[in-house]
């Protein structure tokens, strides 16, 4: 009889644990399905995701100017595609805080192809912008 009581008392907690695990699995599956659906709709439209645009923009700018893109400091969708601001290492110095960086404005079409860029400013890595 004691064995039956133990089984009866542990069964609800095991059942609850199984239900919780099932809910987690379902929510993960739902998230994966939603991500696939989003990817598929982008593929159907032929448009890249935001991350693909960011990576592509950095690579395209680096190839054009021959200097490494360090980071993307701003990113937004525009009527004509995308507009980004990318920080580029223009001159590597020792110590690193004396290296020269430049901020470039980059324009891309809706497919993520670079359509134009311009350097906005140059600055030393260790220097902060002055307040207005």
Protein backbone atom coordinates (compact mmCIF):
# COMPACT_ATOMS: atom_id res chain seq x y z
CA UNK A 1 0.00 0.00 0.00
CA UNK A 2 2.85 2.37 0.78
CA UNK A 3 4.23 1.72 -2.72
CA UNK A 4 0.86 2.69 -4.25
CA UNK A 5 0.83 5.93 -2.21
CA UNK A 6 4.32 6.83 -3.43
CA UNK A 7 3.33 6.23 -7.06
CA UNK A 8 0.18 8.29 -6.64
CA UNK A 9 2.04 11.17 -4.99
CA UNK A 10 4.89 11.32 -7.53
CA UNK A 11 2.78 10.85 -10.64
CA UNK A 12 1.20 14.35 -10.59
CA UNK A 13 4.59 16.04 -10.30
CA UNK A 14 5.99 13.89 -13.11
CA UNK A 15 2.96 14.69 -15.22
CA UNK A 16 3.37 18.41 -14.53
CA UNK A 17 7.05 18.21 -15.47
CA UNK A 18 6.16 16.44 -18.74
CA UNK A 19 3.52 19.09 -19.53
CA UNK A 20 6.02 21.88 -18.85
CA UNK A 21 8.60 20.22 -21.09
CA UNK A 22 5.95 19.76 -23.80
CA UNK A 23 5.04 23.46 -23.58
CA UNK A 24 8.70 24.46 -23.94
CA UNK A 25 9.10 22.18 -26.95
CA UNK A 26 5.93 23.58 -28.50
CA UNK A 27 7.02 27.19 -27.99
CA UNK A 28 10.47 26.45 -29.46
CA UNK A 29 8.84 24.73 -32.43
CA UNK A 30 6.46 27.66 -32.90
CA UNK A 31 9.37 30.13 -32.82
CA UNK A 32 11.32 28.06 -35.35
CA UNK A 33 8.27 27.82 -37.61
CA UNK A 34 7.72 31.58 -37.39
CA UNK A 35 11.37 32.21 -38.24
CA UNK A 36 11.15 29.87 -41.24
CA UNK A 37 7.96 31.59 -42.38
CA UNK A 38 9.63 35.00 -42.12
CA UNK A 39 12.68 33.73 -44.00
CA UNK A 40 10.47 32.19 -46.65
CA UNK A 41 8.49 35.40 -47.15
CA UNK A 42 11.77 37.32 -47.55
CA UNK A 43 13.01 34.69 -50.01
CA UNK A 44 9.74 34.95 -51.95
CA UNK A 45 10.17 38.71 -52.17
CA UNK A 46 13.89 38.36 -52.91
CA UNK A 47 14.79 40.71 -50.05
CA UNK A 48 17.56 40.02 -47.53
CA UNK A 49 17.06 40.11 -43.76
CA UNK A 50 18.38 43.04 -41.72
CA UNK A 51 21.41 41.03 -40.56
CA UNK A 52 22.23 40.03 -44.13
CA UNK A 53 22.08 43.70 -45.13
CA UNK A 54 24.41 44.69 -42.26
CA UNK A 55 26.97 42.02 -43.06
CA UNK A 56 26.81 42.73 -46.78
CA UNK A 57 27.19 46.48 -46.30
CA UNK A 58 30.31 46.06 -44.16
CA UNK A 59 31.86 43.67 -46.66
CA UNK A 60 31.03 45.84 -49.69
CA UNK A 61 32.36 49.04 -48.12
CA UNK A 62 35.56 47.33 -46.94
CA UNK A 63 36.18 45.96 -50.41
CA UNK A 64 35.60 49.32 -52.09
CA UNK A 65 37.77 51.46 -49.82
CA UNK A 66 40.35 48.81 -48.94
CA UNK A 67 40.06 49.32 -45.18
CA UNK A 68 38.37 47.18 -42.53
CA UNK A 69 34.88 48.12 -41.34
CA UNK A 70 34.82 47.90 -37.55
CA UNK A 71 31.15 48.38 -36.67
CA UNK A 72 27.77 49.66 -37.74
CA UNK A 73 26.80 52.63 -35.57
CA UNK A 74 23.40 53.32 -37.14
CA UNK A 75 21.03 51.44 -39.38
CA UNK A 76 17.62 52.26 -40.77
CA UNK A 77 15.32 51.38 -43.62
CA UNK A 78 14.63 54.26 -46.01
CA UNK A 79 12.16 54.75 -48.84
CA UNK A 80 14.84 53.76 -51.36
CA UNK A 81 16.41 50.88 -49.40
CA UNK A 82 18.73 51.14 -46.40
CA UNK A 83 20.93 53.80 -44.83
CA UNK A 84 23.79 52.90 -42.49
CA UNK A 85 26.66 54.59 -40.72
CA UNK A 86 29.74 52.37 -40.60
CA UNK A 87 32.91 52.97 -38.58
CA UNK A 88 36.09 52.13 -40.48
CA UNK A 89 39.69 51.75 -39.27
CA UNK A 90 41.63 54.08 -41.58
CA UNK A 91 45.01 54.16 -39.87
CA UNK A 92 46.20 51.66 -37.29
CA UNK A 93 48.56 53.21 -34.72
CA UNK A 94 50.26 52.18 -31.50
CA UNK A 95 48.84 52.63 -28.95
CA UNK A 96 45.47 51.61 -30.37
CA UNK A 97 43.77 54.63 -28.80
CA UNK A 98 45.65 56.80 -31.32
CA UNK A 99 44.34 54.87 -34.36
CA UNK A 100 42.31 56.90 -36.86
CA UNK A 101 38.73 55.87 -37.52
CA UNK A 102 36.23 57.31 -39.95
CA UNK A 103 32.47 57.34 -40.00
CA UNK A 104 30.94 56.56 -43.41
CA UNK A 105 27.35 57.02 -44.48
CA UNK A 106 26.35 54.13 -46.72
CA UNK A 107 23.25 53.84 -48.90
CA UNK A 108 21.93 50.52 -50.16
CA UNK A 109 19.08 49.54 -52.44
CA UNK A 110 16.25 47.29 -51.10
CA UNK A 111 18.25 44.17 -52.07
CA UNK A 112 21.23 45.32 -49.99
CA UNK A 113 23.50 46.37 -52.86
CA UNK A 114 25.64 49.42 -52.13
CA UNK A 115 24.53 52.42 -54.18
CA UNK A 116 26.65 55.14 -52.58
CA UNK A 117 28.84 56.12 -49.65
CA UNK A 118 30.63 59.14 -48.26
CA UNK A 119 33.00 59.79 -45.37
CA UNK A 120 31.38 62.01 -42.75
CA UNK A 121 34.29 62.50 -40.35
CA UNK A 122 37.65 61.18 -39.11
CA UNK A 123 38.58 60.86 -35.47
CA UNK A 124 41.05 59.23 -33.09
CA UNK A 125 39.76 56.07 -31.42
CA UNK A 126 40.43 57.44 -27.93
CA UNK A 127 38.54 60.71 -28.47
CA UNK A 128 34.92 61.12 -27.50
CA UNK A 129 32.58 63.49 -29.31
CA UNK A 130 32.31 66.91 -27.69
CA UNK A 131 28.88 67.73 -26.27
CA UNK A 132 26.73 70.27 -28.06
